[in-house]
Amino acid sequence: MTLVEFRDEFDSDTQETFSLTFKAPADAPAEQSTYTLTSEGVGEQLIFLVPIGKDADALYYEAVYNRFKQ
């Protein structure tokens, strides 16, 4: 799975919202679920992913984050 887009949706003094779009192989499971993703820079994380599209080569997932700043 590859990160293909980062969108900064909303940012204020108290809250930030952003989304990540990932590209997976076309035969990846097309169901929303919590998946374990591992990257060299971030390590292992559980991320809730929702399939948002598919083409002949790939399935696309989105993760949306909405969090309060500390």
N, C-alpha and C. Protein backbone atom coordinates (compact mmCIF):
# COMPACT_ATOMS: atom_id res chain seq x y z
N MET A 1 0.85 -1.15 0.00
CA MET A 1 0.00 0.00 0.00
C MET A 1 0.90 1.23 0.00
N THR A 2 0.50 2.24 -0.78
CA THR A 2 1.30 3.44 -0.92
C THR A 2 0.46 4.68 -0.64
N LEU A 3 1.02 5.60 0.13
CA LEU A 3 0.35 6.89 0.35
C LEU A 3 0.44 7.69 -0.94
N VAL A 4 -0.72 8.12 -1.46
CA VAL A 4 -0.71 8.88 -2.71
C VAL A 4 -1.19 10.32 -2.56
N GLU A 5 -1.85 10.63 -1.43
CA GLU A 5 -2.32 12.00 -1.26
C GLU A 5 -2.51 12.34 0.22
N PHE A 6 -2.13 13.55 0.57
CA PHE A 6 -2.40 14.14 1.88
C PHE A 6 -3.21 15.40 1.62
N ARG A 7 -4.37 15.52 2.27
CA ARG A 7 -5.18 16.74 2.13
C ARG A 7 -5.39 17.35 3.51
N ASP A 8 -4.96 18.59 3.65
CA ASP A 8 -5.16 19.35 4.88
C ASP A 8 -6.54 19.99 4.77
N GLU A 9 -7.51 19.41 5.45
CA GLU A 9 -8.91 19.83 5.29
C GLU A 9 -9.27 21.06 6.12
N PHE A 10 -8.79 21.10 7.36
CA PHE A 10 -9.21 22.17 8.28
C PHE A 10 -8.16 22.30 9.37
N ASP A 11 -7.86 23.52 9.74
CA ASP A 11 -6.90 23.76 10.81
C ASP A 11 -7.31 25.00 11.56
N SER A 12 -7.38 24.91 12.87
CA SER A 12 -7.69 26.06 13.71
C SER A 12 -6.78 26.02 14.94
N ASP A 13 -6.99 26.91 15.88
CA ASP A 13 -6.19 26.92 17.11
C ASP A 13 -6.43 25.68 17.96
N THR A 14 -7.60 25.05 17.82
CA THR A 14 -7.96 23.94 18.69
C THR A 14 -8.15 22.61 17.99
N GLN A 15 -8.26 22.62 16.67
CA GLN A 15 -8.61 21.40 15.95
C GLN A 15 -7.89 21.31 14.61
N GLU A 16 -7.58 20.08 14.20
CA GLU A 16 -7.04 19.86 12.86
C GLU A 16 -7.72 18.65 12.23
N THR A 17 -8.00 18.76 10.95
CA THR A 17 -8.63 17.69 10.20
C THR A 17 -7.85 17.50 8.91
N PHE A 18 -7.49 16.25 8.64
CA PHE A 18 -6.79 15.96 7.39
C PHE A 18 -7.16 14.56 6.94
N SER A 19 -6.89 14.27 5.67
CA SER A 19 -7.18 12.94 5.14
C SER A 19 -5.98 12.42 4.36
N LEU A 20 -5.88 11.11 4.35
CA LEU A 20 -4.82 10.41 3.63
C LEU A 20 -5.48 9.46 2.63
N THR A 21 -4.96 9.40 1.42
CA THR A 21 -5.43 8.46 0.42
C THR A 21 -4.31 7.48 0.12
N PHE A 22 -4.66 6.20 0.15
CA PHE A 22 -3.69 5.13 -0.10
C PHE A 22 -4.09 4.35 -1.33
N LYS A 23 -3.09 3.87 -2.05
CA LYS A 23 -3.29 3.02 -3.22
C LYS A 23 -2.83 1.61 -2.87
N ALA A 24 -3.72 0.63 -3.08
CA ALA A 24 -3.42 -0.77 -2.78
C ALA A 24 -3.59 -1.59 -4.07
N PRO A 25 -3.08 -2.81 -4.07
CA PRO A 25 -3.30 -3.67 -5.24
C PRO A 25 -4.80 -3.86 -5.51
N ALA A 26 -5.16 -4.05 -6.76
CA ALA A 26 -6.56 -4.17 -7.14
C ALA A 26 -7.28 -5.32 -6.44
N ASP A 27 -6.55 -6.34 -6.01
CA ASP A 27 -7.18 -7.49 -5.35
C ASP A 27 -7.23 -7.36 -3.82
N ALA A 28 -6.91 -6.18 -3.30
CA ALA A 28 -7.00 -5.94 -1.85
C ALA A 28 -8.47 -6.02 -1.42
N PRO A 29 -8.73 -6.33 -0.14
CA PRO A 29 -10.12 -6.43 0.32
C PRO A 29 -10.83 -5.07 0.23
N ALA A 30 -11.97 -5.07 -0.41
CA ALA A 30 -12.74 -3.83 -0.59
C ALA A 30 -13.76 -3.66 0.53
N GLU A 31 -13.26 -3.59 1.74
CA GLU A 31 -14.15 -3.41 2.89
C GLU A 31 -13.52 -2.44 3.87
N GLN A 32 -14.37 -1.64 4.51
CA GLN A 32 -13.84 -0.74 5.51
C GLN A 32 -13.53 -1.53 6.76
N SER A 33 -12.41 -1.20 7.36
CA SER A 33 -11.97 -1.94 8.54
C SER A 33 -10.76 -1.23 9.14
N THR A 34 -10.35 -1.69 10.29
CA THR A 34 -9.12 -1.22 10.90
C THR A 34 -7.99 -2.13 10.44
N TYR A 35 -6.99 -1.53 9.81
CA TYR A 35 -5.86 -2.28 9.27
C TYR A 35 -4.59 -1.86 10.00
N THR A 36 -3.65 -2.78 10.09
CA THR A 36 -2.34 -2.48 10.64
C THR A 36 -1.42 -2.08 9.50
N LEU A 37 -0.92 -0.85 9.55
CA LEU A 37 0.02 -0.37 8.55
C LEU A 37 1.37 -0.15 9.21
N THR A 38 2.42 -0.48 8.49
CA THR A 38 3.77 -0.31 9.00
C THR A 38 4.58 0.50 8.00
N SER A 39 5.28 1.52 8.52
CA SER A 39 6.17 2.30 7.67
C SER A 39 7.47 2.52 8.41
N GLU A 40 8.52 2.73 7.67
CA GLU A 40 9.84 2.92 8.28
C GLU A 40 9.88 4.15 9.17
N GLY A 41 9.27 5.23 8.74
CA GLY A 41 9.33 6.48 9.50
C GLY A 41 8.40 6.55 10.70
N VAL A 42 7.25 5.88 10.62
CA VAL A 42 6.23 5.99 11.67
C VAL A 42 6.12 4.73 12.52
N GLY A 43 6.51 3.61 11.97
CA GLY A 43 6.37 2.36 12.69
C GLY A 43 5.02 1.73 12.40
N GLU A 44 4.53 0.93 13.34
CA GLU A 44 3.27 0.21 13.17
C GLU A 44 2.11 1.01 13.75
N GLN A 45 1.02 1.13 12.99
CA GLN A 45 -0.16 1.86 13.45
C GLN A 45 -1.43 1.15 13.00
N LEU A 46 -2.46 1.24 13.82
CA LEU A 46 -3.78 0.79 13.42
C LEU A 46 -4.51 1.98 12.81
N ILE A 47 -5.03 1.80 11.60
CA ILE A 47 -5.71 2.89 10.89
C ILE A 47 -7.02 2.37 10.32
N PHE A 48 -8.10 3.12 10.56
CA PHE A 48 -9.40 2.78 9.99
C PHE A 48 -9.43 3.29 8.55
N LEU A 49 -9.56 2.38 7.60
CA LEU A 49 -9.55 2.72 6.18
C LEU A 49 -10.89 2.39 5.54
N VAL A 50 -11.31 3.27 4.62
CA VAL A 50 -12.55 3.09 3.89
C VAL A 50 -12.22 3.06 2.40
N PRO A 51 -12.65 2.02 1.66
CA PRO A 51 -12.40 2.02 0.22
C PRO A 51 -13.20 3.15 -0.44
N ILE A 52 -12.55 3.89 -1.33
CA ILE A 52 -13.22 5.04 -1.97
C ILE A 52 -13.22 4.96 -3.49
N GLY A 53 -12.55 3.98 -4.05
CA GLY A 53 -12.54 3.85 -5.50
C GLY A 53 -11.67 2.71 -5.96
N LYS A 54 -11.89 2.33 -7.21
CA LYS A 54 -11.12 1.23 -7.78
C LYS A 54 -10.97 1.46 -9.27
N ASP A 55 -9.81 1.10 -9.81
CA ASP A 55 -9.63 1.09 -11.25
C ASP A 55 -8.99 -0.24 -11.62
N ALA A 56 -8.58 -0.39 -12.84
CA ALA A 56 -8.03 -1.67 -13.30
C ALA A 56 -6.76 -2.07 -12.56
N ASP A 57 -6.03 -1.08 -12.05
CA ASP A 57 -4.73 -1.35 -11.43
C ASP A 57 -4.72 -1.30 -9.91
N ALA A 58 -5.71 -0.66 -9.30
CA ALA A 58 -5.60 -0.41 -7.85
C ALA A 58 -6.95 -0.21 -7.19
N LEU A 59 -6.91 -0.40 -5.86
CA LEU A 59 -8.03 -0.06 -4.98
C LEU A 59 -7.55 1.09 -4.11
N TYR A 60 -8.39 2.10 -3.90
CA TYR A 60 -8.00 3.28 -3.14
C TYR A 60 -8.77 3.33 -1.84
N TYR A 61 -8.04 3.64 -0.78
CA TYR A 61 -8.62 3.77 0.56
C TYR A 61 -8.39 5.19 1.07
N GLU A 62 -9.27 5.62 2.00
CA GLU A 62 -9.09 6.92 2.64
C GLU A 62 -9.14 6.76 4.14
N ALA A 63 -8.30 7.50 4.83
CA ALA A 63 -8.32 7.62 6.29
C ALA A 63 -8.51 9.09 6.61
N VAL A 64 -9.48 9.41 7.47
CA VAL A 64 -9.77 10.80 7.83
C VAL A 64 -9.45 10.98 9.32
N TYR A 65 -8.70 12.01 9.63
CA TYR A 65 -8.33 12.33 11.00
C TYR A 65 -8.96 13.65 11.40
N ASN A 66 -9.56 13.66 12.56
CA ASN A 66 -10.16 14.86 13.12
C ASN A 66 -9.78 14.86 14.59
N ARG A 67 -8.87 15.75 14.97
CA ARG A 67 -8.39 15.68 16.34
C ARG A 67 -8.21 17.09 16.92
N PHE A 68 -8.35 17.12 18.23
CA PHE A 68 -8.14 18.36 18.96
C PHE A 68 -6.66 18.53 19.25
N LYS A 69 -6.19 19.75 19.13
CA LYS A 69 -4.80 20.04 19.46
C LYS A 69 -4.66 20.13 20.97
N GLN A 70 -3.54 19.74 21.47
CA GLN A 70 -3.30 19.78 22.93
C GLN A 70 -2.57 21.04 23.31
